[in-house]
Amino acid sequence: MSPTIRVCLADHHRLFHLSIETIIKQNEDMVFSGGAANEEDVLRLCQVRCPYLLLLALNVLSQPITGFLAALQTKCPEIKVIVVLAYADESCIRTLLERGVHGCILKSDTPEHLVEAVRRVVGGESWVSPLLLNKALVSPSRTPPFFALTDQQKKMLLLLVAGKTDRQIAEELYLGERTIRRKLADLYAHLGATNRVEAAFIAGQHQLFDLHQ
């Protein structure tokens, strides 16, 4: 049996804690290890509880996130961080990912997306809310398109941005899951990306295809 995923929450709004705790407790592979409402308590909580993952709302921070992440990594070097955002801000999530967070999710996302985000990030992947990826995908770009994508690659990107798993993409395209993983790896290499998050951002910034086609 997989080890239990310990999750902590940092958010200034206490009512939000109850919602997250309820969602986490509904999954047998997860446990809610506590919440904190200010920066000092968050660091103390993580040091004592040693969670696998911290759900971090920026409203608890009294300093730039880079400083907080540095302090957190000193106390808990193995911890993963998913930032919880109130609004979809595509430029914000790019900055956050560049500064070392492992994922971004919206407070308006579904419980299912939260659970998937936790599992993916703990499993070593980056994860961004499908709503945020869609925003990145349709963002205006000053750079003209420069990648020649096949129809199948376009479909894969659309499904990826929609938050589909490798298995779901395979089902949509009537291919084996192993084949899809290989094709996704080829797609990432073609785009100069290392994972699905980077691939979606690159696609959006260069308007590689029209979502309405």
N, C-alpha and C. Protein backbone atom coordinates (compact mmCIF):
# COMPACT_ATOMS: atom_id res chain seq x y z
N MET A 1 0.84 -1.21 0.00
CA MET A 1 0.00 0.00 0.00
C MET A 1 0.87 1.25 0.00
N SER A 2 0.48 2.24 -0.78
CA SER A 2 1.25 3.48 -0.87
C SER A 2 1.26 4.19 0.48
N PRO A 3 2.37 4.88 0.81
CA PRO A 3 2.40 5.63 2.07
C PRO A 3 1.37 6.75 2.06
N THR A 4 0.86 7.07 3.22
CA THR A 4 -0.13 8.14 3.33
C THR A 4 0.49 9.48 3.01
N ILE A 5 -0.20 10.27 2.22
CA ILE A 5 0.28 11.60 1.83
C ILE A 5 -0.16 12.60 2.89
N ARG A 6 0.80 13.15 3.61
CA ARG A 6 0.49 14.15 4.64
C ARG A 6 0.42 15.53 4.00
N VAL A 7 -0.71 16.22 4.19
CA VAL A 7 -0.95 17.52 3.58
C VAL A 7 -1.20 18.56 4.66
N CYS A 8 -0.50 19.68 4.58
CA CYS A 8 -0.76 20.83 5.45
C CYS A 8 -1.28 22.00 4.62
N LEU A 9 -2.00 22.90 5.28
CA LEU A 9 -2.58 24.06 4.59
C LEU A 9 -2.16 25.35 5.27
N ALA A 10 -1.80 26.34 4.46
CA ALA A 10 -1.53 27.69 4.95
C ALA A 10 -2.49 28.65 4.28
N ASP A 11 -3.41 29.19 5.05
CA ASP A 11 -4.37 30.15 4.52
C ASP A 11 -4.88 31.03 5.65
N HIS A 12 -5.02 32.31 5.37
CA HIS A 12 -5.45 33.27 6.39
C HIS A 12 -6.91 33.06 6.79
N HIS A 13 -7.70 32.48 5.91
CA HIS A 13 -9.13 32.34 6.16
C HIS A 13 -9.43 30.96 6.76
N ARG A 14 -9.82 30.93 8.01
CA ARG A 14 -10.00 29.68 8.73
C ARG A 14 -11.14 28.82 8.16
N LEU A 15 -12.17 29.45 7.61
CA LEU A 15 -13.27 28.68 7.05
C LEU A 15 -12.80 27.80 5.89
N PHE A 16 -11.79 28.26 5.19
CA PHE A 16 -11.25 27.50 4.06
C PHE A 16 -10.57 26.23 4.55
N HIS A 17 -10.03 26.27 5.77
CA HIS A 17 -9.35 25.11 6.33
C HIS A 17 -10.28 23.91 6.42
N LEU A 18 -11.50 24.17 6.87
CA LEU A 18 -12.46 23.08 7.04
C LEU A 18 -12.78 22.41 5.71
N SER A 19 -12.92 23.21 4.66
CA SER A 19 -13.21 22.66 3.33
C SER A 19 -12.08 21.75 2.85
N ILE A 20 -10.85 22.22 2.99
CA ILE A 20 -9.70 21.43 2.54
C ILE A 20 -9.57 20.16 3.38
N GLU A 21 -9.73 20.29 4.67
CA GLU A 21 -9.63 19.11 5.54
C GLU A 21 -10.65 18.05 5.15
N THR A 22 -11.88 18.48 4.84
CA THR A 22 -12.93 17.55 4.46
C THR A 22 -12.57 16.82 3.17
N ILE A 23 -12.06 17.55 2.18
CA ILE A 23 -11.68 16.94 0.91
C ILE A 23 -10.55 15.94 1.10
N ILE A 24 -9.53 16.32 1.85
CA ILE A 24 -8.38 15.44 2.06
C ILE A 24 -8.80 14.16 2.78
N LYS A 25 -9.64 14.29 3.78
CA LYS A 25 -10.04 13.13 4.58
C LYS A 25 -10.89 12.12 3.80
N GLN A 26 -11.41 12.52 2.65
CA GLN A 26 -12.22 11.62 1.83
C GLN A 26 -11.37 10.66 0.99
N ASN A 27 -10.05 10.80 1.08
CA ASN A 27 -9.14 9.98 0.27
C ASN A 27 -8.25 9.14 1.18
N GLU A 28 -8.28 7.82 0.96
CA GLU A 28 -7.59 6.89 1.85
C GLU A 28 -6.08 7.06 1.84
N ASP A 29 -5.53 7.59 0.75
CA ASP A 29 -4.08 7.73 0.66
C ASP A 29 -3.59 9.08 1.17
N MET A 30 -4.48 9.88 1.77
CA MET A 30 -4.12 11.21 2.24
C MET A 30 -4.53 11.42 3.68
N VAL A 31 -3.83 12.31 4.37
CA VAL A 31 -4.21 12.70 5.73
C VAL A 31 -3.97 14.19 5.87
N PHE A 32 -4.89 14.88 6.51
CA PHE A 32 -4.73 16.32 6.75
C PHE A 32 -3.92 16.49 8.03
N SER A 33 -2.74 17.09 7.90
CA SER A 33 -1.81 17.20 9.02
C SER A 33 -1.87 18.54 9.74
N GLY A 34 -2.86 19.36 9.40
CA GLY A 34 -3.03 20.62 10.12
C GLY A 34 -2.94 21.83 9.24
N GLY A 35 -3.41 22.95 9.79
CA GLY A 35 -3.38 24.21 9.05
C GLY A 35 -2.86 25.33 9.91
N ALA A 36 -2.43 26.39 9.26
CA ALA A 36 -1.94 27.58 9.95
C ALA A 36 -2.38 28.81 9.18
N ALA A 37 -2.49 29.94 9.88
CA ALA A 37 -3.05 31.15 9.28
C ALA A 37 -2.05 32.29 9.17
N ASN A 38 -0.79 32.04 9.57
CA ASN A 38 0.24 33.07 9.39
C ASN A 38 1.57 32.40 9.11
N GLU A 39 2.51 33.19 8.64
CA GLU A 39 3.77 32.66 8.13
C GLU A 39 4.57 31.90 9.20
N GLU A 40 4.70 32.46 10.37
CA GLU A 40 5.48 31.82 11.43
C GLU A 40 4.88 30.48 11.82
N ASP A 41 3.56 30.44 11.96
CA ASP A 41 2.90 29.20 12.34
C ASP A 41 3.02 28.14 11.24
N VAL A 42 3.02 28.58 9.98
CA VAL A 42 3.17 27.65 8.86
C VAL A 42 4.53 26.95 8.95
N LEU A 43 5.58 27.73 9.14
CA LEU A 43 6.93 27.15 9.22
C LEU A 43 7.04 26.20 10.41
N ARG A 44 6.46 26.60 11.52
CA ARG A 44 6.50 25.75 12.71
C ARG A 44 5.72 24.46 12.49
N LEU A 45 4.54 24.59 11.88
CA LEU A 45 3.70 23.42 11.62
C LEU A 45 4.41 22.42 10.71
N CYS A 46 5.02 22.92 9.65
CA CYS A 46 5.70 22.03 8.71
C CYS A 46 6.89 21.34 9.36
N GLN A 47 7.59 22.06 10.22
CA GLN A 47 8.75 21.47 10.88
C GLN A 47 8.33 20.36 11.84
N VAL A 48 7.19 20.53 12.50
CA VAL A 48 6.71 19.54 13.47
C VAL A 48 6.03 18.36 12.77
N ARG A 49 5.18 18.64 11.78
CA ARG A 49 4.38 17.58 11.16
C ARG A 49 5.08 16.91 9.96
N CYS A 50 6.07 17.58 9.39
CA CYS A 50 6.82 17.03 8.25
C CYS A 50 5.90 16.53 7.13
N PRO A 51 5.04 17.38 6.59
CA PRO A 51 4.12 16.93 5.53
C PRO A 51 4.87 16.69 4.23
N TYR A 52 4.26 15.87 3.37
CA TYR A 52 4.80 15.69 2.03
C TYR A 52 4.54 16.95 1.20
N LEU A 53 3.41 17.62 1.50
CA LEU A 53 2.99 18.72 0.64
C LEU A 53 2.33 19.83 1.45
N LEU A 54 2.62 21.06 1.05
CA LEU A 54 1.98 22.24 1.66
C LEU A 54 1.13 22.94 0.62
N LEU A 55 -0.14 23.14 0.94
CA LEU A 55 -1.02 23.99 0.13
C LEU A 55 -0.87 25.40 0.67
N LEU A 56 -0.33 26.29 -0.13
CA LEU A 56 0.07 27.62 0.34
C LEU A 56 -0.72 28.73 -0.33
N ALA A 57 -1.54 29.44 0.45
CA ALA A 57 -2.20 30.65 -0.03
C ALA A 57 -1.27 31.83 0.24
N LEU A 58 -1.13 32.71 -0.72
CA LEU A 58 -0.18 33.82 -0.59
C LEU A 58 -0.60 34.83 0.47
N ASN A 59 -1.86 34.74 0.93
CA ASN A 59 -2.33 35.72 1.92
C ASN A 59 -1.69 35.54 3.30
N VAL A 60 -0.94 34.47 3.51
CA VAL A 60 -0.28 34.28 4.81
C VAL A 60 1.12 34.88 4.84
N LEU A 61 1.63 35.29 3.68
CA LEU A 61 3.03 35.71 3.60
C LEU A 61 3.22 37.17 3.96
N SER A 62 4.30 37.43 4.69
CA SER A 62 4.69 38.80 5.03
C SER A 62 5.97 39.20 4.30
N GLN A 63 6.43 38.37 3.39
CA GLN A 63 7.66 38.60 2.64
C GLN A 63 7.49 38.02 1.24
N PRO A 64 8.38 38.34 0.30
CA PRO A 64 8.30 37.72 -1.02
C PRO A 64 8.37 36.21 -0.91
N ILE A 65 7.70 35.53 -1.81
CA ILE A 65 7.60 34.08 -1.71
C ILE A 65 8.96 33.40 -1.79
N THR A 66 9.92 34.00 -2.49
CA THR A 66 11.25 33.39 -2.58
C THR A 66 11.88 33.28 -1.19
N GLY A 67 11.71 34.29 -0.36
CA GLY A 67 12.25 34.24 0.99
C GLY A 67 11.57 33.17 1.82
N PHE A 68 10.25 33.08 1.69
CA PHE A 68 9.52 32.06 2.44
C PHE A 68 9.93 30.66 2.00
N LEU A 69 10.03 30.44 0.68
CA LEU A 69 10.40 29.12 0.18
C LEU A 69 11.80 28.72 0.65
N ALA A 70 12.70 29.70 0.71
CA ALA A 70 14.05 29.41 1.18
C ALA A 70 14.02 28.97 2.65
N ALA A 71 13.23 29.67 3.46
CA ALA A 71 13.10 29.31 4.87
C ALA A 71 12.45 27.93 5.02
N LEU A 72 11.44 27.67 4.20
CA LEU A 72 10.74 26.39 4.27
C LEU A 72 11.66 25.25 3.87
N GLN A 73 12.45 25.44 2.82
CA GLN A 73 13.36 24.39 2.37
C GLN A 73 14.45 24.10 3.39
N THR A 74 14.84 25.12 4.15
CA THR A 74 15.83 24.91 5.20
C THR A 74 15.28 24.01 6.30
N LYS A 75 14.02 24.22 6.65
CA LYS A 75 13.40 23.44 7.72
C LYS A 75 12.88 22.09 7.23
N CYS A 76 12.36 22.08 6.00
CA CYS A 76 11.73 20.86 5.45
C CYS A 76 12.17 20.70 3.99
N PRO A 77 13.38 20.21 3.77
CA PRO A 77 13.94 20.18 2.41
C PRO A 77 13.19 19.30 1.42
N GLU A 78 12.40 18.34 1.90
CA GLU A 78 11.72 17.42 1.00
C GLU A 78 10.30 17.85 0.65
N ILE A 79 9.81 18.92 1.25
CA ILE A 79 8.41 19.30 1.10
C ILE A 79 8.14 19.85 -0.31
N LYS A 80 6.94 19.52 -0.84
CA LYS A 80 6.47 20.08 -2.10
C LYS A 80 5.43 21.16 -1.80
N VAL A 81 5.34 22.15 -2.69
CA VAL A 81 4.44 23.28 -2.45
C VAL A 81 3.51 23.49 -3.65
N ILE A 82 2.22 23.53 -3.37
CA ILE A 82 1.22 23.95 -4.35
C ILE A 82 0.65 25.27 -3.86
N VAL A 83 0.75 26.31 -4.68
CA VAL A 83 0.20 27.61 -4.32
C VAL A 83 -1.29 27.64 -4.66
N VAL A 84 -2.09 28.14 -3.72
CA VAL A 84 -3.54 28.24 -3.90
C VAL A 84 -3.87 29.69 -4.22
N LEU A 85 -4.40 29.93 -5.42
CA LEU A 85 -4.68 31.29 -5.89
C LEU A 85 -6.18 31.58 -5.89
N ALA A 86 -6.51 32.82 -5.57
CA ALA A 86 -7.90 33.24 -5.60
C ALA A 86 -8.35 33.61 -7.01
N TYR A 87 -7.41 34.07 -7.85
CA TYR A 87 -7.76 34.53 -9.20
C TYR A 87 -6.80 33.94 -10.22
N ALA A 88 -7.29 33.78 -11.44
CA ALA A 88 -6.47 33.26 -12.53
C ALA A 88 -5.57 34.36 -13.06
N ASP A 89 -4.29 34.27 -12.78
CA ASP A 89 -3.32 35.25 -13.26
C ASP A 89 -2.16 34.49 -13.88
N GLU A 90 -2.20 34.38 -15.19
CA GLU A 90 -1.24 33.56 -15.92
C GLU A 90 0.20 34.02 -15.72
N SER A 91 0.44 35.33 -15.65
CA SER A 91 1.81 35.81 -15.45
C SER A 91 2.28 35.47 -14.05
N CYS A 92 1.36 35.46 -13.09
CA CYS A 92 1.70 35.13 -11.71
C CYS A 92 2.14 33.68 -11.60
N ILE A 93 1.42 32.75 -12.23
CA ILE A 93 1.77 31.35 -12.07
C ILE A 93 3.11 31.04 -12.74
N ARG A 94 3.41 31.71 -13.84
CA ARG A 94 4.71 31.49 -14.46
C ARG A 94 5.82 31.88 -13.51
N THR A 95 5.66 33.03 -12.86
CA THR A 95 6.66 33.49 -11.89
C THR A 95 6.79 32.52 -10.73
N LEU A 96 5.67 32.03 -10.23
CA LEU A 96 5.69 31.11 -9.11
C LEU A 96 6.41 29.82 -9.46
N LEU A 97 6.15 29.27 -10.64
CA LEU A 97 6.81 28.04 -11.06
C LEU A 97 8.30 28.26 -11.24
N GLU A 98 8.67 29.42 -11.75
CA GLU A 98 10.09 29.73 -11.91
C GLU A 98 10.80 29.87 -10.56
N ARG A 99 10.04 30.25 -9.52
CA ARG A 99 10.65 30.47 -8.22
C ARG A 99 10.64 29.23 -7.32
N GLY A 100 10.18 28.12 -7.85
CA GLY A 100 10.35 26.88 -7.10
C GLY A 100 9.12 26.19 -6.58
N VAL A 101 7.91 26.73 -6.82
CA VAL A 101 6.73 26.00 -6.38
C VAL A 101 6.48 24.86 -7.37
N HIS A 102 5.74 23.87 -6.93
CA HIS A 102 5.55 22.67 -7.74
C HIS A 102 4.21 22.63 -8.45
N GLY A 103 3.32 23.56 -8.10
CA GLY A 103 2.03 23.60 -8.74
C GLY A 103 1.22 24.80 -8.31
N CYS A 104 0.15 25.07 -9.06
CA CYS A 104 -0.76 26.18 -8.75
C CYS A 104 -2.19 25.69 -8.98
N ILE A 105 -3.06 26.04 -8.04
CA ILE A 105 -4.46 25.65 -8.15
C ILE A 105 -5.33 26.84 -7.75
N LEU A 106 -6.53 26.90 -8.29
CA LEU A 106 -7.46 27.96 -7.97
C LEU A 106 -8.41 27.54 -6.84
N LYS A 107 -8.80 28.47 -6.02
CA LYS A 107 -9.78 28.17 -4.97
C LYS A 107 -11.12 27.77 -5.57
N SER A 108 -11.36 28.17 -6.80
CA SER A 108 -12.61 27.81 -7.47
C SER A 108 -12.55 26.45 -8.16
N ASP A 109 -11.40 25.77 -8.11
CA ASP A 109 -11.26 24.45 -8.73
C ASP A 109 -12.11 23.42 -8.00
N THR A 110 -12.32 22.30 -8.64
CA THR A 110 -13.12 21.23 -8.06
C THR A 110 -12.29 20.43 -7.05
N PRO A 111 -12.95 19.76 -6.11
CA PRO A 111 -12.22 18.87 -5.19
C PRO A 111 -11.42 17.81 -5.95
N GLU A 112 -11.96 17.32 -7.06
CA GLU A 112 -11.26 16.32 -7.85
C GLU A 112 -9.93 16.85 -8.38
N HIS A 113 -9.91 18.12 -8.80
CA HIS A 113 -8.67 18.71 -9.28
C HIS A 113 -7.66 18.86 -8.15
N LEU A 114 -8.13 19.22 -6.97
CA LEU A 114 -7.23 19.33 -5.83
C LEU A 114 -6.57 17.99 -5.51
N VAL A 115 -7.37 16.95 -5.48
CA VAL A 115 -6.84 15.62 -5.18
C VAL A 115 -5.83 15.19 -6.25
N GLU A 116 -6.17 15.43 -7.51
CA GLU A 116 -5.25 15.08 -8.59
C GLU A 116 -3.96 15.88 -8.48
N ALA A 117 -4.08 17.16 -8.15
CA ALA A 117 -2.89 18.01 -8.02
C ALA A 117 -1.97 17.48 -6.93
N VAL A 118 -2.53 17.13 -5.79
CA VAL A 118 -1.72 16.61 -4.68
C VAL A 118 -0.99 15.35 -5.11
N ARG A 119 -1.70 14.42 -5.71
CA ARG A 119 -1.08 13.15 -6.10
C ARG A 119 0.00 13.34 -7.16
N ARG A 120 -0.27 14.19 -8.13
CA ARG A 120 0.72 14.41 -9.19
C ARG A 120 1.98 15.07 -8.66
N VAL A 121 1.82 16.08 -7.82
CA VAL A 121 2.99 16.79 -7.31
C VAL A 121 3.80 15.90 -6.38
N VAL A 122 3.13 15.17 -5.50
CA VAL A 122 3.85 14.25 -4.62
C VAL A 122 4.54 13.16 -5.45
N GLY A 123 3.95 12.83 -6.59
CA GLY A 123 4.55 11.85 -7.49
C GLY A 123 5.69 12.37 -8.33
N GLY A 124 6.01 13.65 -8.19
CA GLY A 124 7.17 14.20 -8.88
C GLY A 124 6.86 15.06 -10.09
N GLU A 125 5.59 15.30 -10.37
CA GLU A 125 5.21 16.13 -11.51
C GLU A 125 4.93 17.57 -11.08
N SER A 126 4.94 18.47 -12.06
CA SER A 126 4.38 19.80 -11.85
C SER A 126 2.89 19.74 -12.19
N TRP A 127 2.10 20.63 -11.59
CA TRP A 127 0.65 20.61 -11.86
C TRP A 127 0.11 22.02 -11.78
N VAL A 128 -0.71 22.37 -12.76
CA VAL A 128 -1.37 23.67 -12.78
C VAL A 128 -2.83 23.45 -13.12
N SER A 129 -3.70 24.20 -12.46
CA SER A 129 -5.13 24.13 -12.70
C SER A 129 -5.45 24.19 -14.19
N PRO A 130 -6.33 23.31 -14.68
CA PRO A 130 -6.73 23.39 -16.09
C PRO A 130 -7.24 24.77 -16.49
N LEU A 131 -7.93 25.46 -15.60
CA LEU A 131 -8.41 26.81 -15.91
C LEU A 131 -7.26 27.76 -16.16
N LEU A 132 -6.19 27.62 -15.37
CA LEU A 132 -5.02 28.47 -15.56
C LEU A 132 -4.29 28.12 -16.84
N LEU A 133 -4.23 26.83 -17.16
CA LEU A 133 -3.58 26.42 -18.40
C LEU A 133 -4.35 26.91 -19.61
N ASN A 134 -5.68 26.88 -19.52
CA ASN A 134 -6.49 27.42 -20.62
C ASN A 134 -6.24 28.90 -20.81
N LYS A 135 -6.07 29.61 -19.71
CA LYS A 135 -5.79 31.05 -19.81
C LYS A 135 -4.45 31.28 -20.49
N ALA A 136 -3.46 30.47 -20.13
CA ALA A 136 -2.15 30.59 -20.76
C ALA A 136 -2.24 30.28 -22.25
N LEU A 137 -3.10 29.30 -22.58
CA LEU A 137 -3.18 28.85 -23.96
C LEU A 137 -3.79 29.89 -24.88
N VAL A 138 -4.65 30.75 -24.36
CA VAL A 138 -5.29 31.76 -25.21
C VAL A 138 -4.72 33.15 -24.97
N SER A 139 -3.64 33.27 -24.19
CA SER A 139 -3.04 34.58 -23.94
C SER A 139 -2.45 35.14 -25.21
N PRO A 140 -2.56 36.47 -25.43
CA PRO A 140 -1.97 37.08 -26.61
C PRO A 140 -0.46 36.92 -26.61
N SER A 141 0.12 36.79 -27.75
CA SER A 141 1.57 36.67 -27.85
C SER A 141 2.10 37.61 -28.91
N ARG A 142 3.26 38.20 -28.64
CA ARG A 142 3.89 39.07 -29.63
C ARG A 142 4.81 38.27 -30.56
N THR A 143 4.99 36.99 -30.25
CA THR A 143 5.87 36.15 -31.05
C THR A 143 5.05 35.32 -32.01
N PRO A 144 5.37 35.32 -33.30
CA PRO A 144 4.60 34.53 -34.25
C PRO A 144 4.81 33.04 -34.02
N PRO A 145 3.89 32.20 -34.50
CA PRO A 145 4.04 30.76 -34.35
C PRO A 145 5.31 30.27 -35.04
N PHE A 146 6.02 29.30 -34.43
CA PHE A 146 7.22 28.79 -35.09
C PHE A 146 7.36 27.28 -34.95
N PHE A 147 6.32 26.61 -34.44
CA PHE A 147 6.37 25.16 -34.35
C PHE A 147 5.35 24.56 -35.32
N ALA A 148 5.78 23.57 -36.04
CA ALA A 148 4.86 22.86 -36.93
C ALA A 148 4.34 21.64 -36.20
N LEU A 149 3.10 21.69 -35.76
CA LEU A 149 2.50 20.58 -35.02
C LEU A 149 1.57 19.77 -35.91
N THR A 150 1.56 18.47 -35.71
CA THR A 150 0.61 17.63 -36.43
C THR A 150 -0.76 17.76 -35.78
N ASP A 151 -1.79 17.29 -36.47
CA ASP A 151 -3.14 17.33 -35.91
C ASP A 151 -3.20 16.52 -34.62
N GLN A 152 -2.53 15.39 -34.60
CA GLN A 152 -2.53 14.56 -33.40
C GLN A 152 -1.87 15.28 -32.23
N GLN A 153 -0.77 15.99 -32.48
CA GLN A 153 -0.10 16.74 -31.42
C GLN A 153 -0.98 17.87 -30.89
N LYS A 154 -1.72 18.51 -31.78
CA LYS A 154 -2.65 19.55 -31.35
C LYS A 154 -3.72 18.97 -30.43
N LYS A 155 -4.25 17.81 -30.81
CA LYS A 155 -5.27 17.16 -29.98
C LYS A 155 -4.69 16.79 -28.63
N MET A 156 -3.47 16.30 -28.62
CA MET A 156 -2.82 15.93 -27.36
C MET A 156 -2.65 17.13 -26.45
N LEU A 157 -2.27 18.26 -27.03
CA LEU A 157 -2.11 19.48 -26.24
C LEU A 157 -3.44 19.95 -25.66
N LEU A 158 -4.47 19.92 -26.48
CA LEU A 158 -5.79 20.32 -26.00
C LEU A 158 -6.25 19.44 -24.83
N LEU A 159 -6.05 18.15 -24.95
CA LEU A 159 -6.46 17.22 -23.89
C LEU A 159 -5.59 17.41 -22.65
N LEU A 160 -4.32 17.67 -22.86
CA LEU A 160 -3.41 17.91 -21.75
C LEU A 160 -3.82 19.15 -20.97
N VAL A 161 -4.13 20.23 -21.69
CA VAL A 161 -4.55 21.48 -21.06
C VAL A 161 -5.87 21.30 -20.31
N ALA A 162 -6.72 20.41 -20.81
CA ALA A 162 -8.00 20.15 -20.16
C ALA A 162 -7.85 19.32 -18.88
N GLY A 163 -6.62 18.95 -18.56
CA GLY A 163 -6.37 18.22 -17.34
C GLY A 163 -6.53 16.71 -17.47
N LYS A 164 -6.54 16.21 -18.70
CA LYS A 164 -6.71 14.77 -18.91
C LYS A 164 -5.44 14.02 -18.50
N THR A 165 -5.63 12.84 -17.93
CA THR A 165 -4.50 11.98 -17.58
C THR A 165 -3.97 11.30 -18.84
N ASP A 166 -2.80 10.65 -18.71
CA ASP A 166 -2.26 9.91 -19.85
C ASP A 166 -3.25 8.85 -20.32
N ARG A 167 -3.90 8.16 -19.39
CA ARG A 167 -4.86 7.13 -19.76
C ARG A 167 -6.06 7.73 -20.50
N GLN A 168 -6.54 8.88 -20.03
CA GLN A 168 -7.69 9.51 -20.68
C GLN A 168 -7.33 9.99 -22.08
N ILE A 169 -6.11 10.52 -22.24
CA ILE A 169 -5.66 10.95 -23.57
C ILE A 169 -5.58 9.75 -24.49
N ALA A 170 -5.07 8.64 -23.97
CA ALA A 170 -4.97 7.42 -24.77
C ALA A 170 -6.35 6.96 -25.23
N GLU A 171 -7.33 7.02 -24.33
CA GLU A 171 -8.69 6.61 -24.69
C GLU A 171 -9.30 7.52 -25.75
N GLU A 172 -9.05 8.82 -25.61
CA GLU A 172 -9.59 9.79 -26.58
C GLU A 172 -9.01 9.57 -27.97
N LEU A 173 -7.74 9.18 -28.03
CA LEU A 173 -7.06 9.05 -29.32
C LEU A 173 -6.98 7.59 -29.79
N TYR A 174 -7.62 6.69 -29.03
CA TYR A 174 -7.66 5.28 -29.38
C TYR A 174 -6.26 4.69 -29.53
N LEU A 175 -5.40 5.02 -28.57
CA LEU A 175 -4.03 4.52 -28.56
C LEU A 175 -3.73 3.91 -27.20
N GLY A 176 -2.67 3.13 -27.11
CA GLY A 176 -2.26 2.57 -25.84
C GLY A 176 -1.64 3.63 -24.94
N GLU A 177 -1.73 3.41 -23.63
CA GLU A 177 -1.18 4.38 -22.68
C GLU A 177 0.33 4.50 -22.83
N ARG A 178 1.01 3.41 -23.08
CA ARG A 178 2.46 3.46 -23.27
C ARG A 178 2.82 4.27 -24.52
N THR A 179 2.02 4.10 -25.55
CA THR A 179 2.25 4.86 -26.79
C THR A 179 2.07 6.35 -26.54
N ILE A 180 1.03 6.70 -25.77
CA ILE A 180 0.76 8.11 -25.47
C ILE A 180 1.92 8.71 -24.67
N ARG A 181 2.45 7.97 -23.70
CA ARG A 181 3.57 8.49 -22.93
C ARG A 181 4.76 8.78 -23.83
N ARG A 182 5.00 7.89 -24.78
CA ARG A 182 6.11 8.10 -25.72
C ARG A 182 5.84 9.32 -26.61
N LYS A 183 4.59 9.43 -27.09
CA LYS A 183 4.26 10.56 -27.95
C LYS A 183 4.29 11.89 -27.19
N LEU A 184 3.88 11.86 -25.92
CA LEU A 184 3.97 13.08 -25.11
C LEU A 184 5.42 13.48 -24.90
N ALA A 185 6.29 12.51 -24.65
CA ALA A 185 7.71 12.81 -24.48
C ALA A 185 8.27 13.43 -25.76
N ASP A 186 7.86 12.89 -26.92
CA ASP A 186 8.29 13.45 -28.20
C ASP A 186 7.77 14.87 -28.37
N LEU A 187 6.51 15.09 -27.96
CA LEU A 187 5.91 16.42 -28.06
C LEU A 187 6.65 17.42 -27.19
N TYR A 188 6.97 17.04 -25.95
CA TYR A 188 7.71 17.93 -25.05
C TYR A 188 9.06 18.30 -25.68
N ALA A 189 9.74 17.30 -26.23
CA ALA A 189 11.04 17.56 -26.84
C ALA A 189 10.89 18.50 -28.04
N HIS A 190 9.83 18.31 -28.80
CA HIS A 190 9.57 19.16 -29.97
C HIS A 190 9.35 20.62 -29.56
N LEU A 191 8.69 20.81 -28.43
CA LEU A 191 8.39 22.16 -27.95
C LEU A 191 9.52 22.76 -27.12
N GLY A 192 10.48 21.94 -26.74
CA GLY A 192 11.53 22.43 -25.84
C GLY A 192 11.05 22.48 -24.41
N ALA A 193 10.10 21.61 -24.06
CA ALA A 193 9.54 21.56 -22.71
C ALA A 193 10.01 20.28 -22.00
N THR A 194 9.87 20.28 -20.68
CA THR A 194 10.24 19.10 -19.91
C THR A 194 9.03 18.39 -19.32
N ASN A 195 7.86 19.05 -19.32
CA ASN A 195 6.67 18.42 -18.76
C ASN A 195 5.43 19.08 -19.36
N ARG A 196 4.25 18.59 -18.95
CA ARG A 196 3.00 19.07 -19.53
C ARG A 196 2.71 20.53 -19.22
N VAL A 197 3.12 20.99 -18.05
CA VAL A 197 2.91 22.39 -17.69
C VAL A 197 3.68 23.31 -18.62
N GLU A 198 4.97 23.02 -18.80
CA GLU A 198 5.79 23.85 -19.69
C GLU A 198 5.27 23.78 -21.13
N ALA A 199 4.84 22.61 -21.56
CA ALA A 199 4.32 22.47 -22.92
C ALA A 199 3.10 23.36 -23.15
N ALA A 200 2.20 23.40 -22.16
CA ALA A 200 1.00 24.22 -22.29
C ALA A 200 1.33 25.71 -22.33
N PHE A 201 2.29 26.13 -21.50
CA PHE A 201 2.68 27.54 -21.50
C PHE A 201 3.31 27.94 -22.83
N ILE A 202 4.19 27.09 -23.35
CA ILE A 202 4.83 27.39 -24.63
C ILE A 202 3.79 27.49 -25.73
N ALA A 203 2.85 26.56 -25.72
CA ALA A 203 1.79 26.58 -26.73
C ALA A 203 0.99 27.87 -26.65
N GLY A 204 0.66 28.28 -25.43
CA GLY A 204 -0.13 29.49 -25.26
C GLY A 204 0.61 30.74 -25.66
N GLN A 205 1.86 30.84 -25.27
CA GLN A 205 2.63 32.04 -25.55
C GLN A 205 2.89 32.23 -27.03
N HIS A 206 2.93 31.14 -27.78
CA HIS A 206 3.22 31.26 -29.21
C HIS A 206 2.02 30.97 -30.09
N GLN A 207 0.84 30.85 -29.43
CA GLN A 207 -0.41 30.65 -30.18
C GLN A 207 -0.25 29.57 -31.25
N LEU A 208 0.20 28.40 -30.81
CA LEU A 208 0.52 27.35 -31.76
C LEU A 208 -0.69 26.84 -32.52
N PHE A 209 -1.85 26.98 -31.92
CA PHE A 209 -3.06 26.58 -32.63
C PHE A 209 -4.24 27.32 -32.06
N ASP A 210 -5.31 27.31 -32.80
CA ASP A 210 -6.53 28.03 -32.42
C ASP A 210 -7.48 27.05 -31.75
N LEU A 211 -7.83 27.30 -30.50
CA LEU A 211 -8.74 26.42 -29.76
C LEU A 211 -10.10 26.29 -30.41
N HIS A 212 -10.47 27.23 -31.24
CA HIS A 212 -11.82 27.22 -31.81
C HIS A 212 -11.85 26.55 -33.19
N GLN A 213 -10.71 26.02 -33.63
CA GLN A 213 -10.71 25.36 -34.93
C GLN A 213 -11.51 24.07 -34.89
